[in-house]
Amino acid sequence: MRTIEKALGLLALFSEQRPAIGLSELARLARYDKATTHRYLSALLRRGFLEQDAQRRTYRLGPSLVRLARVREQTHPVEAAVAPVLAHLVKITEETAHFSMLCGEELATLAVVESPKVNRVIVEIGEALPLHATSSGLAYLAFAPAKVVEAALNQPLAAFTPATLSDPERIRALLETCRKSGIAASTDGYEEGVFSVAAPVFNSGDVVCGAVAVAAPISRRRQLAEAVMRDAVREGAAAITRALGGAPGGTDANRGARVRGNRTEHAVI
């Protein structure tokens, strides 16, 4: 199983900004040796999850992922449900709004609507969001099962900026505050100069499965009415939760206790 996880982990390295990657770079990004990386790539190529440019010798995502994505969207149309909510958030706040969902052990950005302003926060589709360093990650962890939280915090926590929280105890205290308010905020946590607010999204099983967030340049933080921003994100999360078959309005201590109990499964929508 560990081998499968490592092989599939290579897929998470691709993004809109990095659609094609060579063997050496993949090995460096994944921190595997080249022989191991090549073995995983060969398996993914055989199953169509990757394909290789014959001339450049780089790898890109393959057609099997397109097929699975179509099945996913037809049976669980996440993007169709999320897009109008994000557009509404941008209309209210004039800042970039994005939705992320748990994929494996990290949040992956599935939908983005950018701010109309020239100076805006850019979030890439497919971008992985660290759980401890982003408002989306904190909003998710606040309502995740206890074992998921411990697994996320009982490992080396990368410091992306001088302001990144990497002390597990401080993060646990922050998560308790997030549970009470239903909102998480981050300033300079993942990227310097960025302020963001996020709220958790729940699926039909009443399990947290992702988060919706609004991100703005910190230079505009004083201009923003943070209360409006927080209310908008909270309402957006409730709308997406309803669209996914969940029950909105439960981001309180009672729901947190239910979700964080003995349930250790990862959320799937």
Protein backbone atom coordinates (compact mmCIF):
# COMPACT_ATOMS: atom_id res chain seq x y z
CA MET A 1 0.00 0.00 0.00
CA ARG A 2 2.85 2.37 0.76
CA THR A 3 4.21 1.91 -2.76
CA ILE A 4 0.82 2.75 -4.24
CA GLU A 5 0.60 5.91 -2.11
CA LYS A 6 4.04 7.05 -3.26
CA ALA A 7 3.24 6.40 -6.90
CA LEU A 8 -0.07 8.27 -6.73
CA GLY A 9 1.66 11.05 -4.82
CA LEU A 10 3.58 11.91 -7.99
CA LEU A 11 0.30 12.94 -9.63
CA ALA A 12 -0.19 15.67 -7.02
CA LEU A 13 2.99 17.38 -8.25
CA PHE A 14 1.33 18.42 -11.52
CA SER A 15 -0.59 21.70 -11.76
CA GLU A 16 -1.71 24.28 -14.31
CA GLN A 17 1.56 26.11 -13.79
CA ARG A 18 3.59 22.87 -13.96
CA PRO A 19 1.74 20.65 -16.48
CA ALA A 20 4.84 18.79 -17.74
CA ILE A 21 7.70 17.54 -15.57
CA GLY A 22 10.86 15.60 -16.38
CA LEU A 23 12.20 12.59 -14.48
CA SER A 24 14.95 14.48 -12.64
CA GLU A 25 12.61 17.24 -11.48
CA LEU A 26 9.96 14.73 -10.37
CA ALA A 27 12.56 12.86 -8.35
CA ARG A 28 13.69 16.11 -6.74
CA LEU A 29 10.16 17.30 -5.95
CA ALA A 30 9.11 13.94 -4.54
CA ARG A 31 12.42 13.41 -2.75
CA TYR A 32 12.84 9.93 -4.26
CA ASP A 33 15.88 8.59 -6.07
CA LYS A 34 15.62 8.53 -9.88
CA ALA A 35 15.38 4.73 -10.12
CA THR A 36 12.44 4.61 -7.70
CA THR A 37 10.75 7.55 -9.42
CA HIS A 38 11.14 5.91 -12.83
CA ARG A 39 9.59 2.69 -11.52
CA TYR A 40 6.54 4.55 -10.23
CA LEU A 41 6.25 6.53 -13.46
CA SER A 42 6.34 3.36 -15.54
CA ALA A 43 3.42 1.92 -13.56
CA LEU A 44 1.41 5.12 -13.98
CA LEU A 45 2.18 5.18 -17.70
CA ARG A 46 0.95 1.61 -18.17
CA ARG A 47 -2.39 2.46 -16.55
CA GLY A 48 -2.82 5.71 -18.48
CA PHE A 49 -2.57 8.02 -15.48
CA LEU A 50 0.45 9.64 -17.11
CA GLU A 51 1.72 9.99 -20.63
CA GLN A 52 5.14 10.99 -21.95
CA ASP A 53 6.15 13.51 -24.56
CA ALA A 54 8.32 11.45 -26.91
CA GLN A 55 10.51 14.40 -27.91
CA ARG A 56 10.92 16.30 -24.66
CA ARG A 57 10.83 13.17 -22.47
CA THR A 58 8.64 14.99 -19.97
CA TYR A 59 5.55 13.55 -18.31
CA ARG A 60 2.03 14.95 -18.18
CA LEU A 61 -1.29 13.79 -16.78
CA GLY A 62 -2.87 11.01 -18.83
CA PRO A 63 -6.30 10.18 -20.27
CA SER A 64 -7.30 7.82 -17.46
CA LEU A 65 -7.56 10.81 -15.15
CA VAL A 66 -9.82 12.58 -17.65
CA ARG A 67 -12.15 9.58 -17.71
CA LEU A 68 -12.28 9.36 -13.93
CA ALA A 69 -12.82 13.11 -13.64
CA ARG A 70 -15.80 12.88 -15.99
CA VAL A 71 -17.30 10.05 -13.97
CA ARG A 72 -16.75 12.02 -10.80
CA GLU A 73 -18.31 15.20 -12.15
CA GLN A 74 -21.32 13.37 -13.61
CA THR A 75 -22.09 11.52 -10.39
CA HIS A 76 -21.01 14.26 -7.94
CA PRO A 77 -21.06 17.59 -9.83
CA VAL A 78 -18.91 19.50 -7.38
CA GLU A 79 -17.74 22.23 -9.73
CA ALA A 80 -21.24 23.04 -10.95
CA ALA A 81 -22.42 23.41 -7.35
CA VAL A 82 -19.43 25.41 -6.17
CA ALA A 83 -18.87 27.88 -9.03
CA PRO A 84 -21.92 30.14 -8.42
CA VAL A 85 -21.16 30.28 -4.70
CA LEU A 86 -17.59 31.39 -5.36
CA ALA A 87 -18.78 33.96 -7.89
CA HIS A 88 -21.15 35.38 -5.27
CA LEU A 89 -18.34 35.57 -2.72
CA VAL A 90 -16.21 37.51 -5.19
CA LYS A 91 -19.11 39.86 -5.91
CA ILE A 92 -19.50 40.61 -2.20
CA THR A 93 -15.83 40.84 -1.20
CA GLU A 94 -14.13 41.69 -4.53
CA GLU A 95 -11.40 39.23 -3.51
CA THR A 96 -10.36 35.77 -4.79
CA ALA A 97 -12.55 32.90 -3.59
CA HIS A 98 -11.63 29.22 -3.76
CA PHE A 99 -12.90 25.81 -2.72
CA SER A 100 -10.68 22.92 -1.66
CA MET A 101 -11.44 19.31 -0.82
CA LEU A 102 -9.53 16.63 1.02
CA CYS A 103 -7.63 14.41 -1.38
CA GLY A 104 -5.62 11.78 0.45
CA GLU A 105 -3.85 13.62 3.27
CA GLU A 106 -4.01 17.17 1.90
CA LEU A 107 -6.46 19.72 0.60
CA ALA A 108 -6.54 20.16 -3.16
CA THR A 109 -7.95 23.30 -4.76
CA LEU A 110 -10.86 22.29 -7.02
CA ALA A 111 -12.42 25.62 -7.99
CA VAL A 112 -11.31 29.25 -8.06
CA VAL A 113 -12.94 32.55 -9.01
CA GLU A 114 -10.40 35.36 -9.05
CA SER A 115 -10.81 38.90 -7.83
CA PRO A 116 -11.50 41.45 -10.58
CA LYS A 117 -8.76 43.67 -9.15
CA VAL A 118 -5.33 43.86 -10.79
CA ASN A 119 -3.56 43.31 -7.48
CA ARG A 120 -5.09 40.04 -6.34
CA VAL A 121 -4.23 36.70 -4.79
CA ILE A 122 -3.64 33.93 -7.34
CA VAL A 123 -4.67 30.39 -6.40
CA GLU A 124 -4.00 27.55 -8.85
CA ILE A 125 -6.47 24.80 -9.65
CA GLY A 126 -5.03 21.59 -8.20
CA GLU A 127 -2.78 23.44 -5.77
CA ALA A 128 -2.20 21.50 -2.53
CA LEU A 129 -2.88 23.56 0.59
CA PRO A 130 -0.93 22.64 3.75
CA LEU A 131 -3.30 21.91 6.60
CA HIS A 132 -1.37 23.80 9.29
CA ALA A 133 -0.46 26.91 7.31
CA THR A 134 -3.64 28.02 5.52
CA SER A 135 -7.06 29.19 6.67
CA SER A 136 -8.62 26.39 4.57
CA GLY A 137 -6.45 23.78 6.25
CA LEU A 138 -7.19 25.10 9.72
CA ALA A 139 -10.93 25.24 9.00
CA TYR A 140 -10.78 21.60 7.89
CA LEU A 141 -8.68 20.42 10.85
CA ALA A 142 -10.94 22.16 13.36
CA PHE A 143 -13.73 19.72 12.50
CA ALA A 144 -11.70 16.69 11.42
CA PRO A 145 -11.56 13.44 13.44
CA ALA A 146 -9.03 13.52 16.28
CA LYS A 147 -6.78 10.93 14.65
CA VAL A 148 -6.60 12.99 11.47
CA VAL A 149 -5.60 16.07 13.47
CA GLU A 150 -2.93 14.15 15.36
CA ALA A 151 -1.54 12.65 12.16
CA ALA A 152 -1.36 16.12 10.60
CA LEU A 153 0.37 17.72 13.59
CA ASN A 154 2.64 14.89 14.70
CA GLN A 155 5.06 15.39 11.83
CA PRO A 156 7.57 18.09 10.87
CA LEU A 157 5.53 21.20 10.01
CA ALA A 158 7.08 23.30 7.28
CA ALA A 159 7.56 27.02 7.94
CA PHE A 160 6.61 28.68 4.65
CA THR A 161 7.06 32.19 6.06
CA PRO A 162 8.33 33.67 9.34
CA ALA A 163 4.68 33.87 10.43
CA THR A 164 3.80 30.20 9.78
CA LEU A 165 2.56 28.43 12.90
CA SER A 166 4.62 25.26 13.33
CA ASP A 167 4.09 24.61 17.04
CA PRO A 168 1.47 21.82 17.37
CA GLU A 169 0.22 23.09 20.74
CA ARG A 170 -0.38 26.59 19.44
CA ILE A 171 -2.20 25.14 16.44
CA ARG A 172 -4.40 22.96 18.67
CA ALA A 173 -5.38 26.04 20.68
CA LEU A 174 -6.20 27.88 17.47
CA LEU A 175 -8.34 24.96 16.26
CA GLU A 176 -10.43 25.19 19.43
CA THR A 177 -11.14 28.84 18.65
CA CYS A 178 -12.05 27.89 15.07
CA ARG A 179 -14.53 25.29 16.32
CA LYS A 180 -16.38 27.86 18.38
CA SER A 181 -16.62 30.45 15.62
CA GLY A 182 -16.83 28.15 12.59
CA ILE A 183 -14.22 30.37 10.91
CA ALA A 184 -10.44 30.17 10.47
CA ALA A 185 -8.17 33.04 9.49
CA SER A 186 -4.55 33.20 8.41
CA THR A 187 -2.19 36.13 7.92
CA ASP A 188 1.11 35.47 6.12
CA GLY A 189 0.84 31.80 7.08
CA TYR A 190 1.45 30.24 3.68
CA GLU A 191 2.49 33.21 1.58
CA GLU A 192 3.72 36.56 2.78
CA GLY A 193 1.39 39.44 2.03
CA VAL A 194 -1.78 37.32 2.01
CA PHE A 195 -4.71 37.39 4.41
CA SER A 196 -7.44 34.74 4.16
CA VAL A 197 -10.61 33.59 5.88
CA ALA A 198 -12.14 30.11 5.50
CA ALA A 199 -15.05 28.00 6.70
CA PRO A 200 -15.47 24.20 6.66
CA VAL A 201 -17.70 22.32 4.25
CA PHE A 202 -19.49 19.09 5.22
CA ASN A 203 -20.76 16.21 3.09
CA SER A 204 -23.99 14.21 3.27
CA GLY A 205 -22.53 12.08 6.06
CA ASP A 206 -22.01 15.16 8.24
CA VAL A 207 -18.23 14.74 7.86
CA VAL A 208 -15.98 17.68 7.06
CA CYS A 209 -14.69 17.26 3.52
CA GLY A 210 -13.13 20.59 2.58
CA ALA A 211 -13.27 24.34 2.97
CA VAL A 212 -14.23 27.51 1.15
CA ALA A 213 -12.05 30.59 1.51
CA VAL A 214 -11.56 34.19 0.45
CA ALA A 215 -7.99 35.47 0.11
CA ALA A 216 -6.84 39.08 -0.20
CA PRO A 217 -3.58 41.02 -0.32
CA ILE A 218 -2.75 42.05 3.23
CA SER A 219 -2.37 45.64 2.00
CA ARG A 220 -6.17 45.75 1.63
CA ARG A 221 -6.96 44.16 4.97
CA ARG A 222 -7.71 47.50 6.61
CA GLN A 223 -10.06 48.38 3.76
CA LEU A 224 -11.97 45.13 4.10
CA ALA A 225 -14.89 44.85 6.47
CA GLU A 226 -13.73 41.62 8.07
CA ALA A 227 -17.13 40.94 9.58
CA VAL A 228 -18.64 41.03 6.08
CA MET A 229 -15.86 38.79 4.79
CA ARG A 230 -16.39 36.24 7.58
CA ASP A 231 -20.18 36.24 7.21
CA ALA A 232 -19.87 35.79 3.45
CA VAL A 233 -17.49 32.83 3.81
CA ARG A 234 -19.70 31.24 6.46
CA GLU A 235 -22.76 31.58 4.22
CA GLY A 236 -20.81 30.27 1.23
CA ALA A 237 -19.72 27.19 3.16
CA ALA A 238 -23.33 26.56 4.20
CA ALA A 239 -24.49 26.83 0.58
CA ILE A 240 -21.87 24.36 -0.66
CA THR A 241 -22.65 22.01 2.24
CA ARG A 242 -26.32 22.03 1.21
CA ALA A 243 -25.34 21.36 -2.42
CA LEU A 244 -23.33 18.33 -1.30
CA GLY A 245 -26.24 16.95 0.72
CA GLY A 246 -24.99 18.07 4.11
CA ALA A 247 -26.77 19.99 6.84
CA PRO A 248 -25.51 23.58 7.20
CA GLY A 249 -25.48 25.48 10.44
CA GLY A 250 -23.65 22.83 12.44
CA THR A 251 -20.21 24.37 12.70
CA ASP A 252 -20.38 24.56 16.48
CA ALA A 253 -18.87 22.75 19.42
CA ASN A 254 -21.57 20.05 19.35
CA ARG A 255 -20.91 19.17 15.73
CA GLY A 256 -17.18 19.29 16.33
CA ALA A 257 -17.55 16.78 19.13
CA ARG A 258 -19.58 14.43 16.92
CA VAL A 259 -17.20 14.68 14.00
CA ARG A 260 -14.08 14.39 16.11
CA GLY A 261 -15.26 11.38 18.08
CA ASN A 262 -14.17 7.86 17.16
CA ARG A 263 -14.78 8.36 13.45
CA THR A 264 -11.43 8.20 11.72
CA GLU A 265 -12.46 7.80 8.11
CA HIS A 266 -11.40 10.37 5.52
CA ALA A 267 -14.29 12.33 4.11
CA VAL A 268 -15.45 11.44 0.62
CA ILE A 269 -18.15 13.40 -1.20
